[in-house]
N, C-alpha and C. Protein backbone atom coordinates (compact mmCIF):
# COMPACT_ATOMS: atom_id res chain seq x y z
N MET A 1 133.42 -123.08 41.49
CA MET A 1 132.16 -124.07 40.20
C MET A 1 130.95 -123.52 40.99
N ILE A 2 130.46 -123.39 42.10
CA ILE A 2 129.61 -123.21 42.69
C ILE A 2 129.05 -121.35 42.36
N GLY A 3 130.44 -120.57 42.54
CA GLY A 3 130.36 -118.76 42.46
C GLY A 3 129.96 -118.86 40.84
N LYS A 4 130.66 -119.70 39.91
CA LYS A 4 129.67 -119.83 38.60
C LYS A 4 128.95 -119.90 38.20
N MET A 5 128.45 -120.88 38.73
CA MET A 5 126.90 -121.39 38.39
C MET A 5 125.66 -120.14 38.96
N ILE A 6 126.22 -119.40 39.96
CA ILE A 6 125.62 -118.18 40.75
C ILE A 6 125.52 -117.03 39.56
N ARG A 7 126.54 -116.91 39.17
CA ARG A 7 126.75 -115.72 38.05
C ARG A 7 126.03 -116.02 36.99
N THR A 8 126.40 -117.24 36.35
CA THR A 8 125.53 -117.18 35.14
C THR A 8 124.05 -117.26 35.19
N SER A 9 123.65 -118.20 36.38
CA SER A 9 122.39 -117.71 36.97
C SER A 9 121.88 -116.40 37.18
N ILE A 10 122.49 -115.54 37.68
CA ILE A 10 122.45 -113.72 37.54
C ILE A 10 122.16 -113.20 36.41
N VAL A 11 123.20 -113.74 35.36
CA VAL A 11 123.07 -112.88 34.34
C VAL A 11 121.90 -113.49 33.37
N SER A 12 121.65 -114.72 33.28
CA SER A 12 120.62 -115.18 32.96
C SER A 12 119.33 -114.48 33.06
N THR A 13 119.13 -114.13 34.28
CA THR A 13 118.46 -113.48 35.28
C THR A 13 117.96 -111.96 34.76
N VAL A 14 118.79 -111.66 34.88
CA VAL A 14 118.72 -109.90 34.22
C VAL A 14 118.57 -109.68 32.65
N GLY A 15 119.02 -110.82 31.85
CA GLY A 15 118.65 -111.15 30.60
C GLY A 15 117.37 -110.83 30.18
N MET A 16 117.23 -112.19 31.15
CA MET A 16 115.41 -112.09 30.85
C MET A 16 114.44 -111.01 31.29
N LEU A 17 114.76 -110.36 32.53
CA LEU A 17 114.05 -109.42 32.76
C LEU A 17 114.20 -108.26 31.61
N LEU A 18 115.43 -107.68 30.89
CA LEU A 18 115.59 -106.90 30.18
C LEU A 18 114.85 -107.27 28.95
N LEU A 19 115.01 -108.71 28.49
CA LEU A 19 114.12 -108.84 27.44
C LEU A 19 112.42 -109.13 27.40
N SER A 20 112.18 -109.36 28.69
CA SER A 20 110.72 -109.17 28.88
C SER A 20 110.52 -107.60 28.69
N GLY A 21 110.73 -106.90 29.01
CA GLY A 21 110.89 -105.62 28.67
C GLY A 21 110.80 -104.99 27.73
N VAL A 22 111.62 -105.10 26.64
CA VAL A 22 111.72 -104.86 25.52
C VAL A 22 110.37 -105.46 25.00
N VAL A 23 110.17 -106.25 25.06
CA VAL A 23 108.53 -107.05 24.70
C VAL A 23 107.37 -106.12 24.92
N SER A 24 106.90 -106.04 26.12
CA SER A 24 106.09 -105.48 26.73
C SER A 24 106.19 -103.75 26.09
N SER A 25 107.17 -103.14 25.92
CA SER A 25 107.23 -102.04 25.60
C SER A 25 106.82 -101.65 23.42
N ALA A 26 107.30 -103.55 22.95
CA ALA A 26 106.98 -103.59 21.33
C ALA A 26 105.45 -103.68 21.76
N LEU A 27 105.05 -104.47 22.31
CA LEU A 27 103.68 -104.53 22.70
C LEU A 27 102.38 -103.58 22.95
N ALA A 28 102.84 -103.08 23.75
CA ALA A 28 101.95 -101.35 24.08
C ALA A 28 101.81 -100.80 22.94
N PHE A 29 103.09 -100.36 21.96
CA PHE A 29 102.77 -99.52 20.50
C PHE A 29 101.73 -100.38 19.60
N GLY A 30 101.86 -102.22 19.65
CA GLY A 30 101.17 -102.57 18.65
C GLY A 30 100.01 -102.86 18.30
N PRO A 31 98.84 -102.91 17.25
CA PRO A 31 97.69 -103.05 17.67
C PRO A 31 97.43 -103.95 18.78
N GLY A 32 96.00 -103.31 18.96
CA GLY A 32 95.39 -104.33 20.71
C GLY A 32 96.72 -104.43 21.74
N GLY A 33 97.76 -103.69 21.55
CA GLY A 33 98.55 -103.93 23.14
C GLY A 33 98.11 -103.52 24.15
N GLY A 34 99.15 -103.04 24.69
CA GLY A 34 98.59 -101.89 26.18
C GLY A 34 99.87 -102.77 27.38
N ALA A 35 99.52 -101.87 28.11
CA ALA A 35 100.36 -102.03 29.65
C ALA A 35 99.96 -103.56 30.08
N ILE A 36 99.26 -104.54 29.49
CA ILE A 36 98.78 -105.75 30.11
C ILE A 36 98.54 -106.47 28.60
N GLY A 37 99.40 -106.58 27.54
CA GLY A 37 99.16 -107.17 26.61
C GLY A 37 98.10 -107.34 25.48
N GLY A 38 97.08 -106.21 25.64
CA GLY A 38 95.63 -105.59 25.21
C GLY A 38 94.55 -105.78 26.04
N ILE A 39 95.06 -106.21 27.69
CA ILE A 39 93.93 -106.48 28.46
C ILE A 39 93.24 -105.09 29.03
N GLY A 40 91.92 -104.82 28.47
CA GLY A 40 91.59 -103.06 28.83
C GLY A 40 91.91 -102.08 28.13
N SER A 41 92.95 -102.73 27.45
CA SER A 41 93.41 -101.55 26.27
C SER A 41 93.16 -101.32 25.17
N ARG A 42 93.55 -100.33 24.38
CA ARG A 42 93.10 -100.49 22.28
C ARG A 42 95.13 -100.56 22.22
N GLY A 43 95.99 -100.27 22.89
CA GLY A 43 96.95 -100.17 22.68
C GLY A 43 97.47 -98.57 22.45
N MET A 44 98.57 -98.79 22.27
CA MET A 44 99.42 -97.28 22.53
C MET A 44 99.23 -95.95 21.23
N SER A 45 98.32 -94.54 21.22
CA SER A 45 97.94 -93.68 20.58
C SER A 45 98.67 -92.53 20.05
N LEU A 46 99.15 -92.09 19.41
CA LEU A 46 100.03 -91.08 19.06
C LEU A 46 98.57 -89.96 18.73
N ILE A 47 98.24 -89.28 19.17
CA ILE A 47 97.08 -88.35 18.42
C ILE A 47 97.67 -87.21 18.54
N THR A 48 97.75 -86.24 17.63
CA THR A 48 97.69 -85.19 16.72
C THR A 48 96.35 -83.98 16.29
N GLY A 49 96.19 -82.87 16.76
CA GLY A 49 95.27 -82.18 16.41
C GLY A 49 95.62 -80.48 17.19
N LYS A 50 94.45 -80.06 17.88
CA LYS A 50 94.48 -78.67 18.54
C LYS A 50 93.58 -78.86 19.78
N VAL A 51 94.16 -77.79 20.45
CA VAL A 51 93.13 -78.02 21.84
C VAL A 51 92.23 -76.25 21.35
N LEU A 52 91.08 -76.57 21.36
CA LEU A 52 90.39 -75.32 20.28
C LEU A 52 90.33 -74.47 22.14
N CYS A 53 89.27 -74.68 23.06
CA CYS A 53 89.11 -74.36 24.29
C CYS A 53 88.89 -74.92 25.66
N ALA A 54 89.51 -74.18 26.80
CA ALA A 54 89.69 -75.29 28.28
C ALA A 54 88.14 -74.17 28.79
N ASN A 55 88.11 -75.54 29.50
CA ASN A 55 86.38 -75.02 30.23
C ASN A 55 85.14 -74.54 29.55
N CYS A 56 85.35 -75.32 28.47
CA CYS A 56 83.96 -75.09 27.36
C CYS A 56 83.29 -76.56 27.61
N ASN A 57 82.77 -76.55 26.25
CA ASN A 57 82.29 -77.39 26.39
C ASN A 57 81.70 -77.65 24.78
N LEU A 58 81.50 -79.24 24.64
CA LEU A 58 81.21 -79.67 23.01
C LEU A 58 80.47 -79.20 22.23
N GLU A 59 79.25 -78.68 22.79
CA GLU A 59 78.35 -78.32 21.91
C GLU A 59 78.41 -76.59 21.84
N GLN A 60 78.60 -76.30 22.69
CA GLN A 60 79.63 -74.68 22.62
C GLN A 60 80.12 -74.74 21.62
N MET A 61 81.28 -75.51 21.59
CA MET A 61 82.23 -75.62 20.14
C MET A 61 81.52 -75.62 19.07
N ARG A 62 80.37 -76.38 19.13
CA ARG A 62 79.90 -77.05 17.76
C ARG A 62 78.83 -75.97 17.17
N GLN A 63 78.04 -75.51 18.29
CA GLN A 63 76.87 -74.09 17.78
C GLN A 63 78.28 -73.07 17.48
N ALA A 64 79.65 -72.48 18.11
CA ALA A 64 80.30 -71.42 17.26
C ALA A 64 80.74 -72.06 15.85
N HIS A 65 81.16 -73.31 15.90
CA HIS A 65 82.25 -73.68 14.52
C HIS A 65 81.28 -74.82 13.91
N PRO A 66 80.38 -75.02 13.32
CA PRO A 66 79.23 -76.16 12.97
C PRO A 66 80.38 -76.73 11.89
N GLU A 67 81.15 -75.86 10.88
CA GLU A 67 82.16 -76.71 9.63
C GLU A 67 83.14 -78.11 10.53
N LEU A 68 83.65 -77.38 12.45
CA LEU A 68 84.87 -78.19 12.63
C LEU A 68 84.04 -79.85 12.58
N ARG A 69 84.65 -80.90 12.11
CA ARG A 69 84.45 -82.15 12.49
C ARG A 69 85.78 -82.94 13.52
N GLN A 70 85.52 -83.96 13.41
CA GLN A 70 86.51 -84.81 14.95
C GLN A 70 86.72 -83.92 15.89
N LEU A 71 85.84 -83.32 16.57
CA LEU A 71 86.00 -82.59 17.70
C LEU A 71 85.58 -83.53 18.70
N TYR A 72 86.16 -83.67 20.01
CA TYR A 72 86.36 -84.60 21.21
C TYR A 72 86.42 -83.35 22.68
N GLN A 73 85.58 -83.77 23.61
CA GLN A 73 85.87 -83.26 24.68
C GLN A 73 86.29 -84.07 25.76
N LEU A 74 87.67 -83.26 26.27
CA LEU A 74 88.31 -84.55 27.45
C LEU A 74 88.02 -84.01 28.79
N ASN A 75 87.32 -84.74 29.32
CA ASN A 75 86.74 -84.35 30.90
C ASN A 75 88.35 -84.98 31.80
N HIS A 76 88.39 -84.09 32.82
CA HIS A 76 89.66 -84.13 33.97
C HIS A 76 89.21 -83.93 35.17
N ALA A 77 89.55 -84.28 36.38
CA ALA A 77 89.69 -83.18 37.57
C ALA A 77 90.14 -81.71 37.49
N GLU A 78 90.83 -81.79 36.35
CA GLU A 78 91.62 -80.51 36.36
C GLU A 78 91.00 -79.34 35.44
N GLY A 79 89.02 -79.94 34.71
CA GLY A 79 89.02 -79.44 34.16
C GLY A 79 88.71 -80.32 32.90
N GLN A 80 88.17 -79.50 31.46
CA GLN A 80 87.79 -79.95 30.64
C GLN A 80 88.31 -78.80 29.51
N ILE A 81 88.61 -79.86 28.31
CA ILE A 81 88.69 -79.37 26.67
C ILE A 81 88.24 -79.93 25.90
N VAL A 82 88.48 -78.92 24.53
CA VAL A 82 87.90 -79.86 23.67
C VAL A 82 88.58 -79.25 22.14
N VAL A 83 89.01 -80.69 22.31
CA VAL A 83 90.13 -81.05 20.79
C VAL A 83 90.09 -81.02 19.83
N GLN A 84 90.24 -80.55 18.64
CA GLN A 84 89.80 -81.58 17.23
C GLN A 84 91.57 -81.93 16.79
N VAL A 85 90.92 -83.28 16.49
CA VAL A 85 91.88 -84.51 16.28
C VAL A 85 92.06 -84.54 14.78
N SER A 86 93.24 -84.48 14.22
CA SER A 86 93.88 -84.02 13.05
C SER A 86 94.05 -85.65 12.58
N SER A 87 94.83 -86.91 13.56
CA SER A 87 95.15 -87.55 13.22
C SER A 87 95.27 -88.67 14.17
N VAL A 88 95.31 -89.62 14.09
CA VAL A 88 95.85 -91.09 15.27
C VAL A 88 96.46 -91.88 14.55
N ASN A 89 97.78 -91.90 15.24
CA ASN A 89 99.19 -92.77 14.53
C ASN A 89 99.18 -92.71 12.98
N GLY A 90 98.42 -91.49 12.24
CA GLY A 90 98.95 -91.40 11.40
C GLY A 90 97.69 -91.38 10.35
N GLN A 91 96.83 -92.14 10.81
CA GLN A 91 95.59 -92.42 10.22
C GLN A 91 94.49 -90.67 10.07
N GLU A 92 93.86 -90.55 9.25
CA GLU A 92 93.15 -89.19 9.37
C GLU A 92 92.07 -89.44 9.82
N SER A 93 91.32 -90.33 9.65
CA SER A 93 90.18 -90.47 10.76
C SER A 93 90.27 -91.33 12.11
N TRP A 94 89.13 -91.21 12.91
CA TRP A 94 89.38 -91.74 14.12
C TRP A 94 88.23 -92.51 14.51
N ARG A 95 88.12 -93.84 14.43
CA ARG A 95 87.00 -94.51 14.85
C ARG A 95 87.07 -94.90 16.01
N ALA A 96 88.16 -95.23 17.25
CA ALA A 96 88.02 -95.25 18.27
C ALA A 96 87.02 -95.55 19.39
N PRO A 97 87.19 -93.66 19.17
CA PRO A 97 85.94 -93.80 20.52
C PRO A 97 84.44 -94.49 20.25
N GLN A 98 83.59 -94.51 21.41
CA GLN A 98 82.25 -94.68 21.21
C GLN A 98 81.48 -93.89 21.69
N SER A 99 82.27 -92.33 22.22
CA SER A 99 81.68 -91.38 22.24
C SER A 99 82.62 -90.08 22.25
N ASP A 100 82.20 -89.09 22.07
CA ASP A 100 82.69 -87.68 21.83
C ASP A 100 83.25 -87.13 22.74
N GLU A 101 83.10 -87.76 24.02
CA GLU A 101 83.17 -87.02 25.77
C GLU A 101 84.58 -88.70 25.59
N LEU A 102 85.47 -87.78 26.61
CA LEU A 102 86.21 -89.05 27.15
C LEU A 102 86.73 -88.70 28.35
N ARG A 103 86.26 -89.45 29.25
CA ARG A 103 87.07 -88.97 30.71
C ARG A 103 88.45 -89.62 30.57
N VAL A 104 89.52 -88.60 30.88
CA VAL A 104 90.94 -88.58 30.48
C VAL A 104 91.27 -88.88 32.39
N ARG A 105 92.40 -89.63 32.09
CA ARG A 105 93.45 -90.15 33.54
C ARG A 105 94.41 -89.91 32.62
N SER A 106 95.59 -88.56 33.57
CA SER A 106 96.71 -88.26 33.54
C SER A 106 97.05 -87.30 34.52
N LEU A 107 98.33 -87.70 34.95
CA LEU A 107 98.67 -86.21 35.82
C LEU A 107 98.57 -85.03 35.75
N ALA A 108 98.02 -84.15 36.99
CA ALA A 108 97.71 -83.11 36.81
C ALA A 108 98.66 -82.36 35.73
N GLN A 109 99.75 -82.21 35.89
CA GLN A 109 100.78 -81.47 35.04
C GLN A 109 100.78 -81.86 33.76
N VAL A 110 100.61 -82.84 33.21
CA VAL A 110 100.39 -83.23 32.03
C VAL A 110 98.77 -82.65 31.37
N PHE A 111 97.79 -83.00 31.87
CA PHE A 111 96.91 -82.06 31.86
C PHE A 111 96.73 -80.92 31.14
N ARG A 112 97.10 -80.28 32.53
CA ARG A 112 97.77 -78.70 32.41
C ARG A 112 98.37 -78.29 31.59
N ALA A 113 99.26 -78.98 30.77
CA ALA A 113 100.05 -78.24 29.37
C ALA A 113 98.75 -78.50 28.35
N LEU A 114 97.77 -79.47 28.15
CA LEU A 114 96.67 -79.15 27.16
C LEU A 114 95.85 -78.01 27.41
N THR A 115 95.38 -76.98 28.84
CA THR A 115 94.25 -76.49 29.08
C THR A 115 95.97 -75.25 29.22
N SER A 116 96.87 -74.79 29.04
CA SER A 116 97.73 -73.53 29.49
C SER A 116 97.28 -73.01 28.36
N LYS A 117 96.68 -71.15 28.27
CA LYS A 117 96.75 -70.18 27.37
C LYS A 117 97.49 -70.65 26.23
N ASP A 118 98.96 -70.60 26.46
CA ASP A 118 99.95 -70.31 25.75
C ASP A 118 100.45 -71.64 24.38
N ASN A 119 99.32 -72.74 24.86
CA ASN A 119 99.72 -73.97 23.69
C ASN A 119 97.81 -73.83 23.30
N MET A 120 96.83 -72.89 23.26
CA MET A 120 95.76 -73.34 22.68
C MET A 120 95.94 -73.20 21.33
N MET A 121 95.08 -73.41 20.38
CA MET A 121 95.65 -73.21 18.78
C MET A 121 96.73 -73.73 18.43
N LYS A 122 97.06 -74.38 19.25
CA LYS A 122 98.60 -74.75 18.66
C LYS A 122 98.64 -76.50 18.09
N ASP A 123 99.67 -76.52 17.75
CA ASP A 123 99.84 -78.30 17.34
C ASP A 123 100.08 -79.26 18.02
N ILE A 124 99.53 -79.82 18.59
CA ILE A 124 99.78 -81.08 19.78
C ILE A 124 99.87 -82.33 19.74
N GLU A 125 100.84 -82.86 19.95
CA GLU A 125 101.01 -84.56 19.90
C GLU A 125 100.56 -85.56 21.75
N ILE A 126 99.57 -85.79 21.66
CA ILE A 126 99.02 -86.61 22.88
C ILE A 126 99.48 -87.95 22.80
N THR A 127 100.98 -88.53 23.36
CA THR A 127 100.86 -89.89 23.60
C THR A 127 99.99 -90.56 25.00
N SER A 128 98.77 -91.36 24.57
CA SER A 128 98.16 -92.35 25.42
C SER A 128 97.45 -93.61 24.23
N LEU A 129 96.51 -93.85 25.96
CA LEU A 129 96.11 -95.34 25.54
C LEU A 129 94.55 -95.43 25.70
N LEU A 130 93.44 -95.50 24.42
CA LEU A 130 92.29 -95.68 24.88
C LEU A 130 91.61 -96.84 25.42
N SER A 131 90.92 -96.83 26.08
CA SER A 131 90.59 -97.97 26.59
C SER A 131 89.37 -98.84 26.08
N LYS A 132 89.78 -99.90 25.88
CA LYS A 132 88.54 -101.23 24.92
C LYS A 132 87.42 -100.46 25.18
N ASP A 133 86.29 -99.61 26.24
CA ASP A 133 85.30 -99.71 26.56
C ASP A 133 85.04 -97.98 25.29
N GLY A 134 86.05 -97.63 24.68
CA GLY A 134 86.12 -96.39 24.43
C GLY A 134 85.78 -95.02 25.30
N ARG A 135 85.65 -95.13 26.49
CA ARG A 135 85.55 -94.22 27.40
C ARG A 135 86.49 -93.07 28.11
N ASN A 136 87.73 -94.33 28.50
CA ASN A 136 88.48 -93.55 29.12
C ASN A 136 89.44 -93.32 28.27
N LEU A 137 90.68 -92.52 28.56
CA LEU A 137 91.80 -91.92 27.62
C LEU A 137 92.66 -91.68 28.53
N ASP A 138 94.15 -92.69 28.98
CA ASP A 138 95.31 -92.44 29.53
C ASP A 138 96.13 -91.74 29.08
N ILE A 139 96.42 -89.99 29.42
CA ILE A 139 97.63 -89.65 28.92
C ILE A 139 98.52 -89.73 29.75
N PHE A 140 99.75 -89.67 28.94
CA PHE A 140 101.29 -89.62 29.47
C PHE A 140 101.93 -88.82 29.23
N ASP A 141 101.61 -88.10 28.20
CA ASP A 141 103.14 -86.82 27.58
C ASP A 141 101.69 -86.36 26.62
N VAL A 142 102.35 -85.23 26.73
CA VAL A 142 101.74 -83.90 25.43
C VAL A 142 103.32 -82.65 25.06
N ALA A 143 103.18 -82.91 23.74
CA ALA A 143 104.23 -82.12 23.24
C ALA A 143 103.39 -81.10 22.33
N VAL A 144 103.90 -80.16 22.66
CA VAL A 144 103.42 -78.41 21.66
C VAL A 144 104.30 -78.20 20.80
N SER A 145 104.24 -77.90 19.52
CA SER A 145 104.89 -77.26 18.47
C SER A 145 104.51 -76.30 17.93
N GLY A 146 105.10 -75.23 17.47
CA GLY A 146 104.48 -74.00 16.49
C GLY A 146 104.12 -72.57 17.71
């Protein structure tokens, strides 16, 4: 009898843990979601665009190409890049950041995928989380196509 109660308790606990993980993941991808239910972040974003240059700055790019829009400078300990954003979560305009310069927090190898010469001017998808203050961008994954 006691063994059956212990097994039932363990199964219930494991089930609740699994369910809470699924709910947390769903919240992260919803509006206002995030790793802590929206506290400190705006929710997961899938940013599509192109890396225009590495180790350059926004002003240089704007002077060389004044016709380009939706440019953002991403600053990381490994360097900086200028990205032209095409869409965020499928929407053409991205009004989320307060600034066109964002501080990036990511693993070094993830940011290096953005600065690689092989990936310049190719279509990219960045899985990220923008802080509520619009100044920090946490990058989790980069996918390059083309």
